[in-house]
């Protein structure tokens, strides 16, 4: 597990994009193509903006994403399909983009496409309640499905309101189609970009707890190649003496001022 702390979200985003683009270029050199898994949400703005400016042959990259609200039209401002089309897909000439449609009927075909070959790098955000994708606590660590329909918790819905996607919690859909924790862990590499003070408690809980479904992001520490990118705000509650690697590897922590 590698932890890197930057002063600002913009610096974090640039560093994470540089690291991700290096992984993609290496995969293209070795395999002729690459597979990328993207998160959405306000915390990913700077990373995605930097990534689209990276020197990557996007015509050799296939993109997947993590989740979508059930029955939310793509025209809605909170739709993750809309988010990705506007901020990423329309900006780079991808080989292909496979989007979560927000319906249980789409899970089978999307899962089959996803599992044709491994994801080279997954950009996996961490929510304010430490969810990964829409796997809210207590997360399902047991299923080996690729995508499932999940119920959104009150804290998750409050986050969506806080980020400005919906006017009230009652307006947030109660369910979403989400990539499972198991499937996220199948990525060859995981990069988590987690800026902002509102994520500080989730970061602390992730780093200071052993594996528990009550803090879903603790599972990421079990991955063999997990990199956590923080800014000074999201890292503000970390106690270095209490960080638990929770894997076969030690952790490294670097601070860039």
C-alpha atoms as a PDB file:
ATOM      1  CA  UNK A   1       0.000   0.000   0.000  1.00  0.00           C
ATOM      2  CA  UNK A   2       1.363   3.370  -1.026  1.00  0.00           C
ATOM      3  CA  UNK A   3       0.049   6.620   0.474  1.00  0.00           C
ATOM      4  CA  UNK A   4       0.897   9.970  -1.093  1.00  0.00           C
ATOM      5  CA  UNK A   5      -0.181  13.320   0.355  1.00  0.00           C
ATOM      6  CA  UNK A   6      -0.237  16.565  -1.656  1.00  0.00           C
ATOM      7  CA  UNK A   7      -1.103  20.100  -0.642  1.00  0.00           C
ATOM      8  CA  UNK A   8      -4.062  20.514  -2.968  1.00  0.00           C
ATOM      9  CA  UNK A   9      -6.608  18.474  -4.885  1.00  0.00           C
ATOM     10  CA  UNK A  10      -5.179  19.797  -8.163  1.00  0.00           C
ATOM     11  CA  UNK A  11      -1.709  18.516  -7.281  1.00  0.00           C
ATOM     12  CA  UNK A  12      -3.184  15.204  -6.182  1.00  0.00           C
ATOM     13  CA  UNK A  13      -5.106  14.926  -9.451  1.00  0.00           C
ATOM     14  CA  UNK A  14      -2.067  15.627 -11.587  1.00  0.00           C
ATOM     15  CA  UNK A  15       0.076  13.107  -9.723  1.00  0.00           C
ATOM     16  CA  UNK A  16      -2.600  10.430  -9.905  1.00  0.00           C
ATOM     17  CA  UNK A  17      -3.154  11.093 -13.612  1.00  0.00           C
ATOM     18  CA  UNK A  18       0.572  10.845 -14.299  1.00  0.00           C
ATOM     19  CA  UNK A  19       0.731   7.531 -12.458  1.00  0.00           C
ATOM     20  CA  UNK A  20      -2.396   6.176 -14.164  1.00  0.00           C
ATOM     21  CA  UNK A  21      -1.262   7.196 -17.633  1.00  0.00           C
ATOM     22  CA  UNK A  22       2.055   5.447 -17.062  1.00  0.00           C
ATOM     23  CA  UNK A  23       0.189   2.235 -16.236  1.00  0.00           C
ATOM     24  CA  UNK A  24      -1.969   2.585 -19.356  1.00  0.00           C
ATOM     25  CA  UNK A  25       1.023   3.202 -21.622  1.00  0.00           C
ATOM     26  CA  UNK A  26       2.798   0.153 -20.201  1.00  0.00           C
ATOM     27  CA  UNK A  27      -0.259  -2.035 -20.773  1.00  0.00           C
ATOM     28  CA  UNK A  28      -0.531  -0.787 -24.358  1.00  0.00           C
ATOM     29  CA  UNK A  29       3.152  -1.505 -24.999  1.00  0.00           C
ATOM     30  CA  UNK A  30       2.888  -5.005 -23.598  1.00  0.00           C
ATOM     31  CA  UNK A  31      -0.600  -6.049 -24.733  1.00  0.00           C
ATOM     32  CA  UNK A  32      -1.578  -3.684 -27.528  1.00  0.00           C
ATOM     33  CA  UNK A  33      -4.451  -2.229 -25.495  1.00  0.00           C
ATOM     34  CA  UNK A  34      -5.457  -1.229 -21.961  1.00  0.00           C
ATOM     35  CA  UNK A  35      -8.535  -1.332 -19.770  1.00  0.00           C
ATOM     36  CA  UNK A  36      -9.471   1.506 -17.426  1.00  0.00           C
ATOM     37  CA  UNK A  37     -12.093   1.665 -14.666  1.00  0.00           C
ATOM     38  CA  UNK A  38     -13.271   5.135 -13.628  1.00  0.00           C
ATOM     39  CA  UNK A  39     -14.989   6.568 -10.581  1.00  0.00           C
ATOM     40  CA  UNK A  40     -17.200   9.633 -10.700  1.00  0.00           C
ATOM     41  CA  UNK A  41     -18.262  12.309  -8.216  1.00  0.00           C
ATOM     42  CA  UNK A  42     -16.861  15.677  -7.204  1.00  0.00           C
ATOM     43  CA  UNK A  43     -13.692  14.157  -5.759  1.00  0.00           C
ATOM     44  CA  UNK A  44     -12.601  12.945  -9.206  1.00  0.00           C
ATOM     45  CA  UNK A  45     -12.850  16.256 -11.081  1.00  0.00           C
ATOM     46  CA  UNK A  46      -9.151  17.180 -10.901  1.00  0.00           C
ATOM     47  CA  UNK A  47      -7.904  13.688 -11.647  1.00  0.00           C
ATOM     48  CA  UNK A  48     -10.086  13.276 -14.722  1.00  0.00           C
ATOM     49  CA  UNK A  49      -9.221  16.758 -15.982  1.00  0.00           C
ATOM     50  CA  UNK A  50      -5.522  15.934 -15.752  1.00  0.00           C
ATOM     51  CA  UNK A  51      -5.981  12.462 -17.204  1.00  0.00           C
ATOM     52  CA  UNK A  52      -7.585  13.663 -20.438  1.00  0.00           C
ATOM     53  CA  UNK A  53      -4.489  15.782 -21.050  1.00  0.00           C
ATOM     54  CA  UNK A  54      -2.137  12.821 -20.579  1.00  0.00           C
ATOM     55  CA  UNK A  55      -0.045  11.347 -23.371  1.00  0.00           C
ATOM     56  CA  UNK A  56      -1.985   8.123 -23.872  1.00  0.00           C
ATOM     57  CA  UNK A  57      -3.071   6.441 -27.103  1.00  0.00           C
ATOM     58  CA  UNK A  58      -6.733   6.493 -26.120  1.00  0.00           C
ATOM     59  CA  UNK A  59      -7.724   4.622 -29.278  1.00  0.00           C
ATOM     60  CA  UNK A  60      -6.306   1.550 -27.548  1.00  0.00           C
ATOM     61  CA  UNK A  61      -8.110   2.077 -24.229  1.00  0.00           C
ATOM     62  CA  UNK A  62     -11.416   0.537 -23.167  1.00  0.00           C
ATOM     63  CA  UNK A  63     -13.234   2.281 -20.311  1.00  0.00           C
ATOM     64  CA  UNK A  64     -15.646   0.910 -17.727  1.00  0.00           C
ATOM     65  CA  UNK A  65     -17.220   2.646 -14.757  1.00  0.00           C
ATOM     66  CA  UNK A  66     -18.494   1.704 -11.348  1.00  0.00           C
ATOM     67  CA  UNK A  67     -22.146   2.497 -10.853  1.00  0.00           C
ATOM     68  CA  UNK A  68     -25.337   4.282 -11.817  1.00  0.00           C
ATOM     69  CA  UNK A  69     -28.591   5.142 -10.087  1.00  0.00           C
ATOM     70  CA  UNK A  70     -31.499   2.841 -10.869  1.00  0.00           C
ATOM     71  CA  UNK A  71     -34.006   4.391 -13.274  1.00  0.00           C
ATOM     72  CA  UNK A  72     -32.319   7.806 -13.348  1.00  0.00           C
ATOM     73  CA  UNK A  73     -32.470   9.221 -16.882  1.00  0.00           C
ATOM     74  CA  UNK A  74     -29.160  10.055 -18.490  1.00  0.00           C
ATOM     75  CA  UNK A  75     -30.388  13.616 -18.980  1.00  0.00           C
ATOM     76  CA  UNK A  76     -30.454  14.171 -15.197  1.00  0.00           C
ATOM     77  CA  UNK A  77     -27.567  16.242 -13.895  1.00  0.00           C
ATOM     78  CA  UNK A  78     -26.589  13.524 -11.415  1.00  0.00           C
ATOM     79  CA  UNK A  79     -26.369  10.719 -13.986  1.00  0.00           C
ATOM     80  CA  UNK A  80     -22.918   9.174 -13.998  1.00  0.00           C
ATOM     81  CA  UNK A  81     -23.297   8.312 -17.679  1.00  0.00           C
ATOM     82  CA  UNK A  82     -23.831  12.018 -18.339  1.00  0.00           C
ATOM     83  CA  UNK A  83     -20.893  12.886 -16.054  1.00  0.00           C
ATOM     84  CA  UNK A  84     -18.509  10.605 -17.923  1.00  0.00           C
ATOM     85  CA  UNK A  85     -19.690  11.506 -21.402  1.00  0.00           C
ATOM     86  CA  UNK A  86     -19.255  15.218 -20.710  1.00  0.00           C
ATOM     87  CA  UNK A  87     -16.002  15.073 -18.734  1.00  0.00           C
ATOM     88  CA  UNK A  88     -14.141  12.138 -20.263  1.00  0.00           C
ATOM     89  CA  UNK A  89     -15.649  10.171 -23.139  1.00  0.00           C
ATOM     90  CA  UNK A  90     -16.242  13.232 -25.310  1.00  0.00           C
ATOM     91  CA  UNK A  91     -12.691  14.470 -24.653  1.00  0.00           C
ATOM     92  CA  UNK A  92     -10.625  11.443 -25.709  1.00  0.00           C
ATOM     93  CA  UNK A  93     -10.996   9.023 -28.671  1.00  0.00           C
ATOM     94  CA  UNK A  94     -11.529   5.810 -26.699  1.00  0.00           C
ATOM     95  CA  UNK A  95     -11.491   2.390 -28.298  1.00  0.00           C
ATOM     96  CA  UNK A  96     -14.727   1.674 -26.408  1.00  0.00           C
ATOM     97  CA  UNK A  97     -16.717   2.830 -23.387  1.00  0.00           C
ATOM     98  CA  UNK A  98     -18.988   0.459 -21.482  1.00  0.00           C
ATOM     99  CA  UNK A  99     -21.477   2.277 -19.289  1.00  0.00           C
ATOM    100  CA  UNK A 100     -23.670   1.094 -16.429  1.00  0.00           C
ATOM    101  CA  UNK A 101     -27.224   1.707 -17.592  1.00  0.00           C
ATOM    102  CA  UNK A 102     -28.907   1.779 -14.181  1.00  0.00           C
ATOM    103  CA  UNK A 103     -31.065  -1.277 -14.766  1.00  0.00           C
ATOM    104  CA  UNK A 104     -30.730  -4.818 -13.467  1.00  0.00           C
ATOM    105  CA  UNK A 105     -31.467  -6.009 -17.013  1.00  0.00           C
ATOM    106  CA  UNK A 106     -28.102  -4.644 -18.205  1.00  0.00           C
ATOM    107  CA  UNK A 107     -25.975  -6.419 -15.604  1.00  0.00           C
ATOM    108  CA  UNK A 108     -25.501  -9.708 -17.467  1.00  0.00           C
ATOM    109  CA  UNK A 109     -24.162  -8.273 -20.729  1.00  0.00           C
ATOM    110  CA  UNK A 110     -22.014  -5.670 -18.981  1.00  0.00           C
ATOM    111  CA  UNK A 111     -20.518  -8.288 -16.656  1.00  0.00           C
ATOM    112  CA  UNK A 112     -19.660 -10.535 -19.608  1.00  0.00           C
ATOM    113  CA  UNK A 113     -17.867  -7.684 -21.378  1.00  0.00           C
ATOM    114  CA  UNK A 114     -16.005  -6.672 -18.224  1.00  0.00           C
ATOM    115  CA  UNK A 115     -14.721 -10.166 -17.582  1.00  0.00           C
ATOM    116  CA  UNK A 116     -13.280 -10.738 -21.029  1.00  0.00           C
ATOM    117  CA  UNK A 117      -9.920  -9.545 -19.680  1.00  0.00           C
ATOM    118  CA  UNK A 118      -8.653  -7.864 -16.496  1.00  0.00           C
ATOM    119  CA  UNK A 119      -8.821  -4.143 -15.773  1.00  0.00           C
ATOM    120  CA  UNK A 120      -5.294  -2.721 -15.855  1.00  0.00           C
ATOM    121  CA  UNK A 121      -6.031   0.141 -13.474  1.00  0.00           C
ATOM    122  CA  UNK A 122      -9.102   1.112 -11.509  1.00  0.00           C
ATOM    123  CA  UNK A 123      -9.594   4.629 -10.166  1.00  0.00           C
ATOM    124  CA  UNK A 124     -11.657   3.890  -7.071  1.00  0.00           C
ATOM    125  CA  UNK A 125     -12.924   6.787  -4.964  1.00  0.00           C
ATOM    126  CA  UNK A 126     -13.820   6.495  -1.296  1.00  0.00           C
ATOM    127  CA  UNK A 127     -17.113   7.953  -0.102  1.00  0.00           C
ATOM    128  CA  UNK A 128     -17.770   9.972   3.023  1.00  0.00           C
ATOM    129  CA  UNK A 129     -19.048   6.814   4.699  1.00  0.00           C
ATOM    130  CA  UNK A 130     -16.036   4.876   3.318  1.00  0.00           C
ATOM    131  CA  UNK A 131     -18.073   3.205   0.582  1.00  0.00           C
ATOM    132  CA  UNK A 132     -16.365   2.054  -2.610  1.00  0.00           C
ATOM    133  CA  UNK A 133     -18.558   2.313  -5.690  1.00  0.00           C
ATOM    134  CA  UNK A 134     -22.032   2.291  -4.109  1.00  0.00           C
ATOM    135  CA  UNK A 135     -21.184  -0.493  -1.677  1.00  0.00           C
ATOM    136  CA  UNK A 136     -22.340   1.258   1.488  1.00  0.00           C
ATOM    137  CA  UNK A 137     -21.613  -0.152   4.947  1.00  0.00           C
ATOM    138  CA  UNK A 138     -22.103  -2.906   5.799  1.00  0.00           C
ATOM    139  CA  UNK A 139     -20.810  -3.868   2.361  1.00  0.00           C
ATOM    140  CA  UNK A 140     -21.305  -7.269   0.782  1.00  0.00           C
ATOM    141  CA  UNK A 141     -17.854  -8.858   0.801  1.00  0.00           C
ATOM    142  CA  UNK A 142     -19.186 -12.311  -0.097  1.00  0.00           C
ATOM    143  CA  UNK A 143     -20.751 -12.062  -3.547  1.00  0.00           C
ATOM    144  CA  UNK A 144     -18.565 -12.813  -6.544  1.00  0.00           C
ATOM    145  CA  UNK A 145     -20.962 -11.179  -9.003  1.00  0.00           C
ATOM    146  CA  UNK A 146     -19.537  -8.320 -11.054  1.00  0.00           C
ATOM    147  CA  UNK A 147     -22.453  -5.914 -10.541  1.00  0.00           C
ATOM    148  CA  UNK A 148     -25.401  -5.973  -8.135  1.00  0.00           C
ATOM    149  CA  UNK A 149     -28.333  -3.751  -7.255  1.00  0.00           C
ATOM    150  CA  UNK A 150     -27.726  -2.066  -3.889  1.00  0.00           C
ATOM    151  CA  UNK A 151     -29.771   0.070  -1.522  1.00  0.00           C
ATOM    152  CA  UNK A 152     -28.273   3.492  -0.801  1.00  0.00           C
ATOM    153  CA  UNK A 153     -27.814   4.443   2.834  1.00  0.00           C
ATOM    154  CA  UNK A 154     -28.884   7.739   4.371  1.00  0.00           C
ATOM    155  CA  UNK A 155     -25.257   8.878   4.674  1.00  0.00           C
ATOM    156  CA  UNK A 156     -24.626   8.094   1.021  1.00  0.00           C
ATOM    157  CA  UNK A 157     -27.701  10.016  -0.075  1.00  0.00           C
ATOM    158  CA  UNK A 158     -26.691  12.945   2.130  1.00  0.00           C
ATOM    159  CA  UNK A 159     -23.311  13.028   0.377  1.00  0.00           C
ATOM    160  CA  UNK A 160     -24.986  13.310  -3.020  1.00  0.00           C
ATOM    161  CA  UNK A 161     -26.972  16.295  -1.744  1.00  0.00           C
ATOM    162  CA  UNK A 162     -23.869  17.850  -0.202  1.00  0.00           C
ATOM    163  CA  UNK A 163     -22.041  17.631  -3.524  1.00  0.00           C
ATOM    164  CA  UNK A 164     -24.917  19.406  -5.239  1.00  0.00           C
ATOM    165  CA  UNK A 165     -26.254  16.572  -7.378  1.00  0.00           C
ATOM    166  CA  UNK A 166     -29.736  16.569  -5.805  1.00  0.00           C
ATOM    167  CA  UNK A 167     -31.736  19.208  -3.881  1.00  0.00           C
ATOM    168  CA  UNK A 168     -32.776  16.944  -0.984  1.00  0.00           C
ATOM    169  CA  UNK A 169     -32.115  13.367   0.217  1.00  0.00           C
ATOM    170  CA  UNK A 170     -35.650  12.436  -0.841  1.00  0.00           C
ATOM    171  CA  UNK A 171     -34.697  13.245  -4.428  1.00  0.00           C
ATOM    172  CA  UNK A 172     -31.786  10.769  -4.441  1.00  0.00           C
ATOM    173  CA  UNK A 173     -32.795   7.386  -5.890  1.00  0.00           C
ATOM    174  CA  UNK A 174     -32.987   4.656  -3.287  1.00  0.00           C
ATOM    175  CA  UNK A 175     -31.065   2.099  -5.358  1.00  0.00           C
ATOM    176  CA  UNK A 176     -28.135   1.863  -7.728  1.00  0.00           C
ATOM    177  CA  UNK A 177     -26.412  -0.700  -9.904  1.00  0.00           C
ATOM    178  CA  UNK A 178     -22.925  -1.001  -8.447  1.00  0.00           C
ATOM    179  CA  UNK A 179     -19.763  -2.904  -9.209  1.00  0.00           C
ATOM    180  CA  UNK A 180     -19.147  -5.262  -6.303  1.00  0.00           C
ATOM    181  CA  UNK A 181     -16.233  -5.131  -3.898  1.00  0.00           C
ATOM    182  CA  UNK A 182     -15.059  -8.484  -5.245  1.00  0.00           C
ATOM    183  CA  UNK A 183     -14.957  -7.205  -8.818  1.00  0.00           C
ATOM    184  CA  UNK A 184     -13.145  -4.006  -7.841  1.00  0.00           C
ATOM    185  CA  UNK A 185     -10.448  -6.140  -6.244  1.00  0.00           C
ATOM    186  CA  UNK A 186      -9.841  -7.924  -9.561  1.00  0.00           C
ATOM    187  CA  UNK A 187      -8.179  -4.797 -11.007  1.00  0.00           C
ATOM    188  CA  UNK A 188      -4.471  -5.275 -11.573  1.00  0.00           C
ATOM    189  CA  UNK A 189      -3.823  -1.940  -9.861  1.00  0.00           C
ATOM    190  CA  UNK A 190      -6.055   0.299  -7.775  1.00  0.00           C
ATOM    191  CA  UNK A 191      -5.592   4.066  -7.516  1.00  0.00           C
ATOM    192  CA  UNK A 192      -7.776   5.927  -5.018  1.00  0.00           C
ATOM    193  CA  UNK A 193      -7.978   9.710  -5.337  1.00  0.00           C
ATOM    194  CA  UNK A 194      -9.550  11.090  -2.157  1.00  0.00           C
ATOM    195  CA  UNK A 195      -9.328  14.870  -1.682  1.00  0.00           C
ATOM    196  CA  UNK A 196     -11.248  17.328   0.553  1.00  0.00           C
ATOM    197  CA  UNK A 197     -11.901  17.685   4.268  1.00  0.00           C
ATOM    198  CA  UNK A 198     -15.278  15.931   4.027  1.00  0.00           C
ATOM    199  CA  UNK A 199     -13.365  12.717   3.315  1.00  0.00           C
ATOM    200  CA  UNK A 200     -10.961  13.029   6.260  1.00  0.00           C
ATOM    201  CA  UNK A 201     -12.940  10.783   8.611  1.00  0.00           C
ATOM    202  CA  UNK A 202     -13.397   8.128   5.927  1.00  0.00           C
ATOM    203  CA  UNK A 203      -9.653   8.163   5.238  1.00  0.00           C
ATOM    204  CA  UNK A 204      -8.891   7.864   8.940  1.00  0.00           C
ATOM    205  CA  UNK A 205     -11.362   5.001   9.357  1.00  0.00           C
ATOM    206  CA  UNK A 206      -9.943   3.207   6.315  1.00  0.00           C
ATOM    207  CA  UNK A 207      -6.346   3.440   7.445  1.00  0.00           C
ATOM    208  CA  UNK A 208      -6.880   2.777  11.145  1.00  0.00           C
ATOM    209  CA  UNK A 209      -9.184  -0.265  10.929  1.00  0.00           C
ATOM    210  CA  UNK A 210      -8.610  -3.857   9.988  1.00  0.00           C
ATOM    211  CA  UNK A 211     -10.851  -5.419   7.358  1.00  0.00           C
ATOM    212  CA  UNK A 212     -14.514  -4.792   8.107  1.00  0.00           C
ATOM    213  CA  UNK A 213     -17.642  -4.422   5.957  1.00  0.00           C
ATOM    214  CA  UNK A 214     -18.583  -1.503   8.213  1.00  0.00           C
ATOM    215  CA  UNK A 215     -15.701   0.405   6.561  1.00  0.00           C
ATOM    216  CA  UNK A 216     -15.851  -0.960   3.011  1.00  0.00           C
ATOM    217  CA  UNK A 217     -12.674   0.791   1.857  1.00  0.00           C
ATOM    218  CA  UNK A 218     -10.618  -1.327   4.273  1.00  0.00           C
ATOM    219  CA  UNK A 219     -10.813  -4.036   1.616  1.00  0.00           C
ATOM    220  CA  UNK A 220      -8.622  -1.943  -0.682  1.00  0.00           C
ATOM    221  CA  UNK A 221      -5.716  -2.458   1.712  1.00  0.00           C
ATOM    222  CA  UNK A 222      -5.833  -6.159   0.873  1.00  0.00           C
ATOM    223  CA  UNK A 223      -5.011  -5.437  -2.758  1.00  0.00           C
ATOM    224  CA  UNK A 224      -1.480  -6.251  -3.884  1.00  0.00           C
ATOM    225  CA  UNK A 225      -1.033  -2.882  -5.662  1.00  0.00           C
ATOM    226  CA  UNK A 226      -3.068  -0.158  -3.950  1.00  0.00           C
ATOM    227  CA  UNK A 227      -2.101   3.534  -4.138  1.00  0.00           C
ATOM    228  CA  UNK A 228      -3.955   6.139  -2.074  1.00  0.00           C
ATOM    229  CA  UNK A 229      -3.656   9.774  -3.167  1.00  0.00           C
ATOM    230  CA  UNK A 230      -4.698  12.382  -0.574  1.00  0.00           C
ATOM    231  CA  UNK A 231      -4.562  16.141  -0.179  1.00  0.00           C
ATOM    232  CA  UNK A 232      -3.697  17.968   3.033  1.00  0.00           C
ATOM    233  CA  UNK A 233      -7.370  18.261   3.981  1.00  0.00           C
ATOM    234  CA  UNK A 234      -8.355  14.632   3.511  1.00  0.00           C
ATOM    235  CA  UNK A 235      -5.181  13.538   5.327  1.00  0.00           C
ATOM    236  CA  UNK A 236      -5.721  15.898   8.260  1.00  0.00           C
ATOM    237  CA  UNK A 237      -6.971  13.249  10.713  1.00  0.00           C
ATOM    238  CA  UNK A 238      -4.423  10.534   9.974  1.00  0.00           C
ATOM    239  CA  UNK A 239      -2.468   9.208  12.938  1.00  0.00           C
ATOM    240  CA  UNK A 240       0.623   7.613  11.432  1.00  0.00           C
ATOM    241  CA  UNK A 241       1.127   5.412  14.493  1.00  0.00           C
ATOM    242  CA  UNK A 242      -2.285   3.802  13.953  1.00  0.00           C
ATOM    243  CA  UNK A 243      -2.123   3.025  10.235  1.00  0.00           C
ATOM    244  CA  UNK A 244      -2.858  -0.655   9.644  1.00  0.00           C
ATOM    245  CA  UNK A 245      -1.604  -2.023   6.322  1.00  0.00           C
ATOM    246  CA  UNK A 246      -3.927  -5.064   6.603  1.00  0.00           C
ATOM    247  CA  UNK A 247      -2.134  -6.876   3.812  1.00  0.00           C
ATOM    248  CA  UNK A 248       1.003  -8.897   3.157  1.00  0.00           C
ATOM    249  CA  UNK A 249       2.936  -5.731   2.368  1.00  0.00           C
ATOM    250  CA  UNK A 250       4.118  -2.814   4.418  1.00  0.00           C
ATOM    251  CA  UNK A 251       2.807   0.650   3.620  1.00  0.00           C
ATOM    252  CA  UNK A 252       4.836   3.615   2.440  1.00  0.00           C
ATOM    253  CA  UNK A 253       3.853   7.226   3.077  1.00  0.00           C
ATOM    254  CA  UNK A 254       5.202  10.169   1.102  1.00  0.00           C
ATOM    255  CA  UNK A 255       4.349  13.832   1.663  1.00  0.00           C
ATOM    256  CA  UNK A 256       4.799  16.318  -1.190  1.00  0.00           C
ATOM    257  CA  UNK A 257       4.751  19.931  -0.021  1.00  0.00           C
END
